[in-house]
Amino acid sequence: MKKLFVLFAAAVSMAVAAQTHRVTLFQETIVNGTALKPGDYKVIVDDNKVVLEKGKNRAEAQVAVETADSKFSSTSVRYQNGDGQYRIKEIRIGGTNTKLVFNN
């Protein structure tokens, strides 16, 4: 019974620690050297690390999690395009005041 409780407590703490959101990329995007094709991605935020996943496609990056003064009405992606390739500069999570700033 103790083992079951410990496993349950560990699962709950991991679920609370990581936040999951969704984002749509409309063009090929580079995240930490990994090219992601356009489509809908799951965004998993855990402390200062973000993971974008779509099937087997996966990219990880370090981010600064910032809090804005007001909530964002929808999720939006801001890009940096200096060399002809789109890189995510920040993701603003709709319905929250959370902004993920990528360390490019």
PDB file of N, CA and C in Angstrom:
ATOM      1  N   MET A   1       0.819  -1.190   0.000  1.00  0.00           N
ATOM      2  CA  MET A   1       0.000   0.000   0.000  1.00  0.00           C
ATOM      3  C   MET A   1       0.868   1.261   0.000  1.00  0.00           C
ATOM      4  N   LYS A   2       1.990   1.223   0.733  1.00  0.00           N
ATOM      5  CA  LYS A   2       2.876   2.381   0.764  1.00  0.00           C
ATOM      6  C   LYS A   2       3.457   2.667  -0.614  1.00  0.00           C
ATOM      7  N   LYS A   3       3.833   1.608  -1.340  1.00  0.00           N
ATOM      8  CA  LYS A   3       4.402   1.796  -2.681  1.00  0.00           C
ATOM      9  C   LYS A   3       3.396   2.467  -3.602  1.00  0.00           C
ATOM     10  N   LEU A   4       2.144   2.048  -3.518  1.00  0.00           N
ATOM     11  CA  LEU A   4       1.098   2.628  -4.354  1.00  0.00           C
ATOM     12  C   LEU A   4       0.934   4.114  -4.036  1.00  0.00           C
ATOM     13  N   PHE A   5       0.950   4.455  -2.760  1.00  0.00           N
ATOM     14  CA  PHE A   5       0.824   5.858  -2.365  1.00  0.00           C
ATOM     15  C   PHE A   5       1.995   6.689  -2.865  1.00  0.00           C
ATOM     16  N   VAL A   6       3.201   6.154  -2.750  1.00  0.00           N
ATOM     17  CA  VAL A   6       4.397   6.871  -3.208  1.00  0.00           C
ATOM     18  C   VAL A   6       4.336   7.088  -4.715  1.00  0.00           C
ATOM     19  N   LEU A   7       3.933   6.067  -5.471  1.00  0.00           N
ATOM     20  CA  LEU A   7       3.808   6.212  -6.927  1.00  0.00           C
ATOM     21  C   LEU A   7       2.746   7.247  -7.289  1.00  0.00           C
ATOM     22  N   PHE A   8       1.627   7.210  -6.585  1.00  0.00           N
ATOM     23  CA  PHE A   8       0.557   8.167  -6.849  1.00  0.00           C
ATOM     24  C   PHE A   8       1.032   9.590  -6.545  1.00  0.00           C
ATOM     25  N   ALA A   9       1.708   9.785  -5.418  1.00  0.00           N
ATOM     26  CA  ALA A   9       2.206  11.110  -5.047  1.00  0.00           C
ATOM     27  C   ALA A   9       3.217  11.626  -6.065  1.00  0.00           C
ATOM     28  N   ALA A  10       4.087  10.747  -6.561  1.00  0.00           N
ATOM     29  CA  ALA A  10       5.071  11.150  -7.568  1.00  0.00           C
ATOM     30  C   ALA A  10       4.381  11.547  -8.871  1.00  0.00           C
ATOM     31  N   ALA A  11       3.372  10.790  -9.282  1.00  0.00           N
ATOM     32  CA  ALA A  11       2.648  11.103 -10.517  1.00  0.00           C
ATOM     33  C   ALA A  11       1.922  12.435 -10.404  1.00  0.00           C
ATOM     34  N   VAL A  12       1.316  12.697  -9.260  1.00  0.00           N
ATOM     35  CA  VAL A  12       0.604  13.960  -9.060  1.00  0.00           C
ATOM     36  C   VAL A  12       1.583  15.131  -9.078  1.00  0.00           C
ATOM     37  N   SER A  13       2.724  14.979  -8.437  1.00  0.00           N
ATOM     38  CA  SER A  13       3.686  16.083  -8.414  1.00  0.00           C
ATOM     39  C   SER A  13       4.240  16.365  -9.798  1.00  0.00           C
ATOM     40  N   MET A  14       4.458  15.342 -10.618  1.00  0.00           N
ATOM     41  CA  MET A  14       4.937  15.571 -11.982  1.00  0.00           C
ATOM     42  C   MET A  14       3.858  16.233 -12.827  1.00  0.00           C
ATOM     43  N   ALA A  15       2.604  15.845 -12.642  1.00  0.00           N
ATOM     44  CA  ALA A  15       1.515  16.436 -13.412  1.00  0.00           C
ATOM     45  C   ALA A  15       1.336  17.904 -13.057  1.00  0.00           C
ATOM     46  N   VAL A  16       1.528  18.249 -11.796  1.00  0.00           N
ATOM     47  CA  VAL A  16       1.389  19.630 -11.375  1.00  0.00           C
ATOM     48  C   VAL A  16       2.555  20.469 -11.877  1.00  0.00           C
ATOM     49  N   ALA A  17       3.744  19.893 -11.920  1.00  0.00           N
ATOM     50  CA  ALA A  17       4.945  20.640 -12.301  1.00  0.00           C
ATOM     51  C   ALA A  17       4.930  21.053 -13.767  1.00  0.00           C
ATOM     52  N   ALA A  18       4.485  20.188 -14.647  1.00  0.00           N
ATOM     53  CA  ALA A  18       4.516  20.479 -16.083  1.00  0.00           C
ATOM     54  C   ALA A  18       3.160  21.004 -16.554  1.00  0.00           C
ATOM     55  N   GLN A  19       3.182  22.050 -17.359  1.00  0.00           N
ATOM     56  CA  GLN A  19       1.970  22.599 -17.950  1.00  0.00           C
ATOM     57  C   GLN A  19       1.937  22.202 -19.423  1.00  0.00           C
ATOM     58  N   THR A  20       0.748  21.901 -19.927  1.00  0.00           N
ATOM     59  CA  THR A  20       0.607  21.511 -21.325  1.00  0.00           C
ATOM     60  C   THR A  20      -0.336  22.471 -22.038  1.00  0.00           C
ATOM     61  N   HIS A  21       0.081  22.913 -23.215  1.00  0.00           N
ATOM     62  CA  HIS A  21      -0.711  23.826 -24.036  1.00  0.00           C
ATOM     63  C   HIS A  21      -0.635  23.336 -25.484  1.00  0.00           C
ATOM     64  N   ARG A  22      -1.328  24.024 -26.385  1.00  0.00           N
ATOM     65  CA  ARG A  22      -1.296  23.713 -27.817  1.00  0.00           C
ATOM     66  C   ARG A  22      -0.928  24.977 -28.595  1.00  0.00           C
ATOM     67  N   VAL A  23      -0.202  24.767 -29.694  1.00  0.00           N
ATOM     68  CA  VAL A  23       0.162  25.885 -30.564  1.00  0.00           C
ATOM     69  C   VAL A  23       0.175  25.384 -32.002  1.00  0.00           C
ATOM     70  N   THR A  24      -0.164  26.266 -32.930  1.00  0.00           N
ATOM     71  CA  THR A  24      -0.124  25.944 -34.354  1.00  0.00           C
ATOM     72  C   THR A  24       1.012  26.730 -34.996  1.00  0.00           C
ATOM     73  N   LEU A  25       1.893  26.007 -35.692  1.00  0.00           N
ATOM     74  CA  LEU A  25       2.969  26.636 -36.461  1.00  0.00           C
ATOM     75  C   LEU A  25       2.525  26.664 -37.919  1.00  0.00           C
ATOM     76  N   PHE A  26       2.585  27.827 -38.553  1.00  0.00           N
ATOM     77  CA  PHE A  26       2.093  27.974 -39.921  1.00  0.00           C
ATOM     78  C   PHE A  26       3.188  27.887 -40.967  1.00  0.00           C
ATOM     79  N   GLN A  27       4.435  27.857 -40.551  1.00  0.00           N
ATOM     80  CA  GLN A  27       5.552  27.689 -41.484  1.00  0.00           C
ATOM     81  C   GLN A  27       6.623  26.849 -40.803  1.00  0.00           C
ATOM     82  N   GLU A  28       7.559  26.346 -41.616  1.00  0.00           N
ATOM     83  CA  GLU A  28       8.656  25.578 -41.034  1.00  0.00           C
ATOM     84  C   GLU A  28       9.404  26.457 -40.047  1.00  0.00           C
ATOM     85  N   THR A  29       9.668  25.907 -38.864  1.00  0.00           N
ATOM     86  CA  THR A  29      10.227  26.679 -37.764  1.00  0.00           C
ATOM     87  C   THR A  29      11.408  25.940 -37.152  1.00  0.00           C
ATOM     88  N   ILE A  30      12.446  26.671 -36.815  1.00  0.00           N
ATOM     89  CA  ILE A  30      13.619  26.093 -36.160  1.00  0.00           C
ATOM     90  C   ILE A  30      13.512  26.357 -34.655  1.00  0.00           C
ATOM     91  N   VAL A  31      13.620  25.278 -33.878  1.00  0.00           N
ATOM     92  CA  VAL A  31      13.640  25.391 -32.416  1.00  0.00           C
ATOM     93  C   VAL A  31      14.891  24.684 -31.927  1.00  0.00           C
ATOM     94  N   ASN A  32      15.828  25.456 -31.412  1.00  0.00           N
ATOM     95  CA  ASN A  32      17.073  24.910 -30.865  1.00  0.00           C
ATOM     96  C   ASN A  32      17.775  23.975 -31.856  1.00  0.00           C
ATOM     97  N   GLY A  33      17.794  24.373 -33.138  1.00  0.00           N
ATOM     98  CA  GLY A  33      18.471  23.589 -34.170  1.00  0.00           C
ATOM     99  C   GLY A  33      17.633  22.506 -34.811  1.00  0.00           C
ATOM    100  N   THR A  34      16.418  22.276 -34.305  1.00  0.00           N
ATOM    101  CA  THR A  34      15.526  21.245 -34.850  1.00  0.00           C
ATOM    102  C   THR A  34      14.465  21.904 -35.723  1.00  0.00           C
ATOM    103  N   ALA A  35      14.316  21.414 -36.963  1.00  0.00           N
ATOM    104  CA  ALA A  35      13.306  21.951 -37.881  1.00  0.00           C
ATOM    105  C   ALA A  35      11.964  21.275 -37.607  1.00  0.00           C
ATOM    106  N   LEU A  36      10.942  22.072 -37.415  1.00  0.00           N
ATOM    107  CA  LEU A  36       9.584  21.577 -37.203  1.00  0.00           C
ATOM    108  C   LEU A  36       8.720  21.999 -38.375  1.00  0.00           C
ATOM    109  N   LYS A  37       7.985  21.044 -38.930  1.00  0.00           N
ATOM    110  CA  LYS A  37       7.092  21.330 -40.047  1.00  0.00           C
ATOM    111  C   LYS A  37       5.832  22.025 -39.530  1.00  0.00           C
ATOM    112  N   PRO A  38       5.112  22.722 -40.415  1.00  0.00           N
ATOM    113  CA  PRO A  38       3.864  23.369 -39.994  1.00  0.00           C
ATOM    114  C   PRO A  38       2.879  22.340 -39.442  1.00  0.00           C
ATOM    115  N   GLY A  39       2.081  22.775 -38.470  1.00  0.00           N
ATOM    116  CA  GLY A  39       1.071  21.902 -37.885  1.00  0.00           C
ATOM    117  C   GLY A  39       0.791  22.260 -36.442  1.00  0.00           C
ATOM    118  N   ASP A  40      -0.056  21.434 -35.809  1.00  0.00           N
ATOM    119  CA  ASP A  40      -0.430  21.635 -34.412  1.00  0.00           C
ATOM    120  C   ASP A  40       0.528  20.870 -33.516  1.00  0.00           C
ATOM    121  N   TYR A  41       1.036  21.545 -32.494  1.00  0.00           N
ATOM    122  CA  TYR A  41       2.015  20.960 -31.582  1.00  0.00           C
ATOM    123  C   TYR A  41       1.541  21.074 -30.150  1.00  0.00           C
ATOM    124  N   LYS A  42       1.898  20.077 -29.360  1.00  0.00           N
ATOM    125  CA  LYS A  42       1.698  20.133 -27.924  1.00  0.00           C
ATOM    126  C   LYS A  42       2.907  20.852 -27.346  1.00  0.00           C
ATOM    127  N   VAL A  43       2.666  21.798 -26.453  1.00  0.00           N
ATOM    128  CA  VAL A  43       3.733  22.558 -25.803  1.00  0.00           C
ATOM    129  C   VAL A  43       3.738  22.163 -24.330  1.00  0.00           C
ATOM    130  N   ILE A  44       4.836  21.573 -23.890  1.00  0.00           N
ATOM    131  CA  ILE A  44       4.975  21.155 -22.498  1.00  0.00           C
ATOM    132  C   ILE A  44       5.999  22.069 -21.837  1.00  0.00           C
ATOM    133  N   VAL A  45       5.571  22.755 -20.795  1.00  0.00           N
ATOM    134  CA  VAL A  45       6.436  23.690 -20.083  1.00  0.00           C
ATOM    135  C   VAL A  45       6.757  23.094 -18.719  1.00  0.00           C
ATOM    136  N   ASP A  46       8.045  22.942 -18.431  1.00  0.00           N
ATOM    137  CA  ASP A  46       8.492  22.428 -17.140  1.00  0.00           C
ATOM    138  C   ASP A  46       9.644  23.298 -16.660  1.00  0.00           C
ATOM    139  N   ASP A  47       9.375  24.144 -15.687  1.00  0.00           N
ATOM    140  CA  ASP A  47      10.327  25.136 -15.191  1.00  0.00           C
ATOM    141  C   ASP A  47      10.774  26.030 -16.343  1.00  0.00           C
ATOM    142  N   ASN A  48      12.050  26.017 -16.686  1.00  0.00           N
ATOM    143  CA  ASN A  48      12.560  26.859 -17.767  1.00  0.00           C
ATOM    144  C   ASN A  48      12.858  26.063 -19.026  1.00  0.00           C
ATOM    145  N   LYS A  49      12.199  24.930 -19.185  1.00  0.00           N
ATOM    146  CA  LYS A  49      12.373  24.103 -20.380  1.00  0.00           C
ATOM    147  C   LYS A  49      11.023  23.946 -21.060  1.00  0.00           C
ATOM    148  N   VAL A  50      11.026  24.022 -22.384  1.00  0.00           N
ATOM    149  CA  VAL A  50       9.814  23.817 -23.155  1.00  0.00           C
ATOM    150  C   VAL A  50      10.075  22.710 -24.175  1.00  0.00           C
ATOM    151  N   VAL A  51       9.062  21.870 -24.392  1.00  0.00           N
ATOM    152  CA  VAL A  51       9.128  20.804 -25.386  1.00  0.00           C
ATOM    153  C   VAL A  51       7.954  20.987 -26.333  1.00  0.00           C
ATOM    154  N   LEU A  52       8.231  21.018 -27.643  1.00  0.00           N
ATOM    155  CA  LEU A  52       7.179  21.039 -28.652  1.00  0.00           C
ATOM    156  C   LEU A  52       7.126  19.660 -29.283  1.00  0.00           C
ATOM    157  N   GLU A  53       5.943  19.034 -29.285  1.00  0.00           N
ATOM    158  CA  GLU A  53       5.786  17.668 -29.793  1.00  0.00           C
ATOM    159  C   GLU A  53       4.632  17.575 -30.766  1.00  0.00           C
ATOM    160  N   LYS A  54       4.871  16.780 -31.824  1.00  0.00           N
ATOM    161  CA  LYS A  54       3.825  16.408 -32.772  1.00  0.00           C
ATOM    162  C   LYS A  54       4.220  15.037 -33.290  1.00  0.00           C
ATOM    163  N   GLY A  55       3.570  14.005 -32.800  1.00  0.00           N
ATOM    164  CA  GLY A  55       3.951  12.646 -33.179  1.00  0.00           C
ATOM    165  C   GLY A  55       5.378  12.368 -32.761  1.00  0.00           C
ATOM    166  N   LYS A  56       6.214  11.972 -33.720  1.00  0.00           N
ATOM    167  CA  LYS A  56       7.619  11.691 -33.430  1.00  0.00           C
ATOM    168  C   LYS A  56       8.498  12.937 -33.483  1.00  0.00           C
ATOM    169  N   ASN A  57       7.953  14.034 -34.018  1.00  0.00           N
ATOM    170  CA  ASN A  57       8.710  15.288 -34.071  1.00  0.00           C
ATOM    171  C   ASN A  57       8.735  15.907 -32.684  1.00  0.00           C
ATOM    172  N   ARG A  58       9.939  16.258 -32.228  1.00  0.00           N
ATOM    173  CA  ARG A  58      10.102  16.789 -30.876  1.00  0.00           C
ATOM    174  C   ARG A  58      11.275  17.761 -30.849  1.00  0.00           C
ATOM    175  N   ALA A  59      11.080  18.896 -30.219  1.00  0.00           N
ATOM    176  CA  ALA A  59      12.153  19.875 -30.056  1.00  0.00           C
ATOM    177  C   ALA A  59      12.100  20.417 -28.632  1.00  0.00           C
ATOM    178  N   GLU A  60      13.270  20.563 -28.028  1.00  0.00           N
ATOM    179  CA  GLU A  60      13.381  21.110 -26.676  1.00  0.00           C
ATOM    180  C   GLU A  60      14.186  22.394 -26.715  1.00  0.00           C
ATOM    181  N   ALA A  61      13.864  23.306 -25.804  1.00  0.00           N
ATOM    182  CA  ALA A  61      14.609  24.562 -25.726  1.00  0.00           C
ATOM    183  C   ALA A  61      14.479  25.139 -24.323  1.00  0.00           C
ATOM    184  N   GLN A  62      15.454  25.956 -23.969  1.00  0.00           N
ATOM    185  CA  GLN A  62      15.406  26.706 -22.714  1.00  0.00           C
ATOM    186  C   GLN A  62      14.612  27.987 -22.960  1.00  0.00           C
ATOM    187  N   VAL A  63      13.760  28.335 -22.006  1.00  0.00           N
ATOM    188  CA  VAL A  63      12.955  29.550 -22.117  1.00  0.00           C
ATOM    189  C   VAL A  63      12.971  30.304 -20.796  1.00  0.00           C
ATOM    190  N   ALA A  64      12.632  31.551 -20.890  1.00  0.00           N
ATOM    191  CA  ALA A  64      12.349  32.344 -19.703  1.00  0.00           C
ATOM    192  C   ALA A  64      10.835  32.461 -19.632  1.00  0.00           C
ATOM    193  N   VAL A  65      10.253  32.032 -18.524  1.00  0.00           N
ATOM    194  CA  VAL A  65       8.808  32.121 -18.343  1.00  0.00           C
ATOM    195  C   VAL A  65       8.512  33.463 -17.685  1.00  0.00           C
ATOM    196  N   GLU A  66       7.783  34.316 -18.418  1.00  0.00           N
ATOM    197  CA  GLU A  66       7.472  35.653 -17.925  1.00  0.00           C
ATOM    198  C   GLU A  66       5.973  35.806 -17.737  1.00  0.00           C
ATOM    199  N   THR A  67       5.597  36.714 -16.867  1.00  0.00           N
ATOM    200  CA  THR A  67       4.192  36.987 -16.591  1.00  0.00           C
ATOM    201  C   THR A  67       3.863  38.390 -17.085  1.00  0.00           C
ATOM    202  N   ALA A  68       2.859  38.468 -17.954  1.00  0.00           N
ATOM    203  CA  ALA A  68       2.432  39.761 -18.499  1.00  0.00           C
ATOM    204  C   ALA A  68       1.439  40.423 -17.534  1.00  0.00           C
ATOM    205  N   ASP A  69       1.148  41.685 -17.777  1.00  0.00           N
ATOM    206  CA  ASP A  69       0.217  42.421 -16.926  1.00  0.00           C
ATOM    207  C   ASP A  69      -1.223  41.958 -17.096  1.00  0.00           C
ATOM    208  N   SER A  70      -1.555  41.478 -18.302  1.00  0.00           N
ATOM    209  CA  SER A  70      -2.922  41.029 -18.560  1.00  0.00           C
ATOM    210  C   SER A  70      -2.900  39.727 -19.350  1.00  0.00           C
ATOM    211  N   LYS A  71      -4.052  39.059 -19.386  1.00  0.00           N
ATOM    212  CA  LYS A  71      -4.153  37.784 -20.091  1.00  0.00           C
ATOM    213  C   LYS A  71      -4.147  38.002 -21.601  1.00  0.00           C
ATOM    214  N   PHE A  72      -3.602  37.014 -22.315  1.00  0.00           N
ATOM    215  CA  PHE A  72      -3.607  37.035 -23.775  1.00  0.00           C
ATOM    216  C   PHE A  72      -4.908  36.400 -24.250  1.00  0.00           C
ATOM    217  N   SER A  73      -5.556  37.015 -25.237  1.00  0.00           N
ATOM    218  CA  SER A  73      -6.848  36.507 -25.713  1.00  0.00           C
ATOM    219  C   SER A  73      -6.708  35.219 -26.507  1.00  0.00           C
ATOM    220  N   SER A  74      -5.568  35.037 -27.178  1.00  0.00           N
ATOM    221  CA  SER A  74      -5.333  33.810 -27.943  1.00  0.00           C
ATOM    222  C   SER A  74      -3.847  33.487 -27.929  1.00  0.00           C
ATOM    223  N   THR A  75      -3.531  32.246 -28.229  1.00  0.00           N
ATOM    224  CA  THR A  75      -2.134  31.832 -28.283  1.00  0.00           C
ATOM    225  C   THR A  75      -1.512  32.382 -29.559  1.00  0.00           C
ATOM    226  N   SER A  76      -0.339  32.971 -29.420  1.00  0.00           N
ATOM    227  CA  SER A  76       0.348  33.517 -30.592  1.00  0.00           C
ATOM    228  C   SER A  76       1.835  33.204 -30.512  1.00  0.00           C
ATOM    229  N   VAL A  77       2.447  33.119 -31.691  1.00  0.00           N
ATOM    230  CA  VAL A  77       3.871  32.828 -31.804  1.00  0.00           C
ATOM    231  C   VAL A  77       4.535  34.027 -32.467  1.00  0.00           C
ATOM    232  N   ARG A  78       5.592  34.524 -31.864  1.00  0.00           N
ATOM    233  CA  ARG A  78       6.381  35.600 -32.461  1.00  0.00           C
ATOM    234  C   ARG A  78       7.687  35.000 -32.941  1.00  0.00           C
ATOM    235  N   TYR A  79       8.073  35.371 -34.159  1.00  0.00           N
ATOM    236  CA  TYR A  79       9.243  34.776 -34.800  1.00  0.00           C
ATOM    237  C   TYR A  79      10.388  35.769 -34.926  1.00  0.00           C
ATOM    238  N   GLN A  80      11.565  35.212 -35.069  1.00  0.00           N
ATOM    239  CA  GLN A  80      12.769  35.958 -35.439  1.00  0.00           C
ATOM    240  C   GLN A  80      13.200  35.377 -36.780  1.00  0.00           C
ATOM    241  N   ASN A  81      13.480  36.243 -37.765  1.00  0.00           N
ATOM    242  CA  ASN A  81      13.844  35.781 -39.096  1.00  0.00           C
ATOM    243  C   ASN A  81      15.005  36.620 -39.603  1.00  0.00           C
ATOM    244  N   GLY A  82      16.230  36.197 -39.269  1.00  0.00           N
ATOM    245  CA  GLY A  82      17.383  36.970 -39.681  1.00  0.00           C
ATOM    246  C   GLY A  82      18.142  36.358 -40.834  1.00  0.00           C
ATOM    247  N   ASP A  83      18.010  35.065 -41.046  1.00  0.00           N
ATOM    248  CA  ASP A  83      18.792  34.370 -42.074  1.00  0.00           C
ATOM    249  C   ASP A  83      17.908  33.559 -43.017  1.00  0.00           C
ATOM    250  N   GLY A  84      16.652  33.965 -43.147  1.00  0.00           N
ATOM    251  CA  GLY A  84      15.747  33.249 -44.029  1.00  0.00           C
ATOM    252  C   GLY A  84      15.057  32.074 -43.372  1.00  0.00           C
ATOM    253  N   GLN A  85      15.379  31.785 -42.113  1.00  0.00           N
ATOM    254  CA  GLN A  85      14.727  30.705 -41.373  1.00  0.00           C
ATOM    255  C   GLN A  85      13.969  31.312 -40.203  1.00  0.00           C
ATOM    256  N   TYR A  86      12.769  30.780 -39.957  1.00  0.00           N
ATOM    257  CA  TYR A  86      11.962  31.271 -38.852  1.00  0.00           C
ATOM    258  C   TYR A  86      12.356  30.548 -37.570  1.00  0.00           C
ATOM    259  N   ARG A  87      12.635  31.333 -36.524  1.00  0.00           N
ATOM    260  CA  ARG A  87      12.941  30.814 -35.200  1.00  0.00           C
ATOM    261  C   ARG A  87      11.945  31.429 -34.222  1.00  0.00           C
ATOM    262  N   ILE A  88      11.448  30.627 -33.298  1.00  0.00           N
ATOM    263  CA  ILE A  88      10.494  31.159 -32.333  1.00  0.00           C
ATOM    264  C   ILE A  88      11.213  32.097 -31.376  1.00  0.00           C
ATOM    265  N   LYS A  89      10.687  33.291 -31.255  1.00  0.00           N
ATOM    266  CA  LYS A  89      11.207  34.277 -30.311  1.00  0.00           C
ATOM    267  C   LYS A  89      10.430  34.180 -28.992  1.00  0.00           C
ATOM    268  N   GLU A  90       9.085  34.059 -29.109  1.00  0.00           N
ATOM    269  CA  GLU A  90       8.268  33.883 -27.918  1.00  0.00           C
ATOM    270  C   GLU A  90       6.918  33.281 -28.274  1.00  0.00           C
ATOM    271  N   ILE A  91       6.331  32.629 -27.287  1.00  0.00           N
ATOM    272  CA  ILE A  91       4.975  32.098 -27.396  1.00  0.00           C
ATOM    273  C   ILE A  91       4.169  32.731 -26.281  1.00  0.00           C
ATOM    274  N   ARG A  92       3.051  33.327 -26.640  1.00  0.00           N
ATOM    275  CA  ARG A  92       2.127  33.898 -25.670  1.00  0.00           C
ATOM    276  C   ARG A  92       0.954  32.937 -25.557  1.00  0.00           C
ATOM    277  N   ILE A  93       0.726  32.419 -24.361  1.00  0.00           N
ATOM    278  CA  ILE A  93      -0.281  31.385 -24.136  1.00  0.00           C
ATOM    279  C   ILE A  93      -1.650  32.035 -23.928  1.00  0.00           C
ATOM    280  N   GLY A  94      -2.596  31.749 -24.848  1.00  0.00           N
ATOM    281  CA  GLY A  94      -3.935  32.302 -24.775  1.00  0.00           C
ATOM    282  C   GLY A  94      -4.675  31.882 -23.514  1.00  0.00           C
ATOM    283  N   GLY A  95      -5.441  32.815 -22.944  1.00  0.00           N
ATOM    284  CA  GLY A  95      -6.207  32.551 -21.733  1.00  0.00           C
ATOM    285  C   GLY A  95      -5.381  32.662 -20.460  1.00  0.00           C
ATOM    286  N   THR A  96      -4.095  32.962 -20.610  1.00  0.00           N
ATOM    287  CA  THR A  96      -3.214  33.135 -19.453  1.00  0.00           C
ATOM    288  C   THR A  96      -2.427  34.435 -19.629  1.00  0.00           C
ATOM    289  N   ASN A  97      -1.640  34.754 -18.638  1.00  0.00           N
ATOM    290  CA  ASN A  97      -0.733  35.899 -18.787  1.00  0.00           C
ATOM    291  C   ASN A  97       0.715  35.404 -18.863  1.00  0.00           C
ATOM    292  N   THR A  98       0.885  34.169 -19.344  1.00  0.00           N
ATOM    293  CA  THR A  98       2.199  33.531 -19.452  1.00  0.00           C
ATOM    294  C   THR A  98       2.802  33.749 -20.830  1.00  0.00           C
ATOM    295  N   LYS A  99       4.082  34.166 -20.823  1.00  0.00           N
ATOM    296  CA  LYS A  99       4.819  34.370 -22.062  1.00  0.00           C
ATOM    297  C   LYS A  99       6.109  33.565 -21.957  1.00  0.00           C
ATOM    298  N   LEU A 100       6.387  32.749 -22.977  1.00  0.00           N
ATOM    299  CA  LEU A 100       7.609  31.939 -23.025  1.00  0.00           C
ATOM    300  C   LEU A 100       8.582  32.631 -23.960  1.00  0.00           C
ATOM    301  N   VAL A 101       9.687  33.104 -23.431  1.00  0.00           N
ATOM    302  CA  VAL A 101      10.694  33.800 -24.227  1.00  0.00           C
ATOM    303  C   VAL A 101      11.858  32.853 -24.469  1.00  0.00           C
ATOM    304  N   PHE A 102      12.098  32.541 -25.755  1.00  0.00           N
ATOM    305  CA  PHE A 102      13.129  31.573 -26.126  1.00  0.00           C
ATOM    306  C   PHE A 102      14.500  32.210 -26.093  1.00  0.00           C
ATOM    307  N   ASN A 103      15.488  31.449 -25.641  1.00  0.00           N
ATOM    308  CA  ASN A 103      16.876  31.908 -25.586  1.00  0.00           C
ATOM    309  C   ASN A 103      17.574  31.501 -26.868  1.00  0.00           C
ATOM    310  N   ASN A 104      17.391  32.262 -27.934  1.00  0.00           N
ATOM    311  CA  ASN A 104      17.985  31.914 -29.240  1.00  0.00           C
ATOM    312  C   ASN A 104      19.434  32.308 -29.288  1.00  0.00           C
TER     313      ASN A 104
END
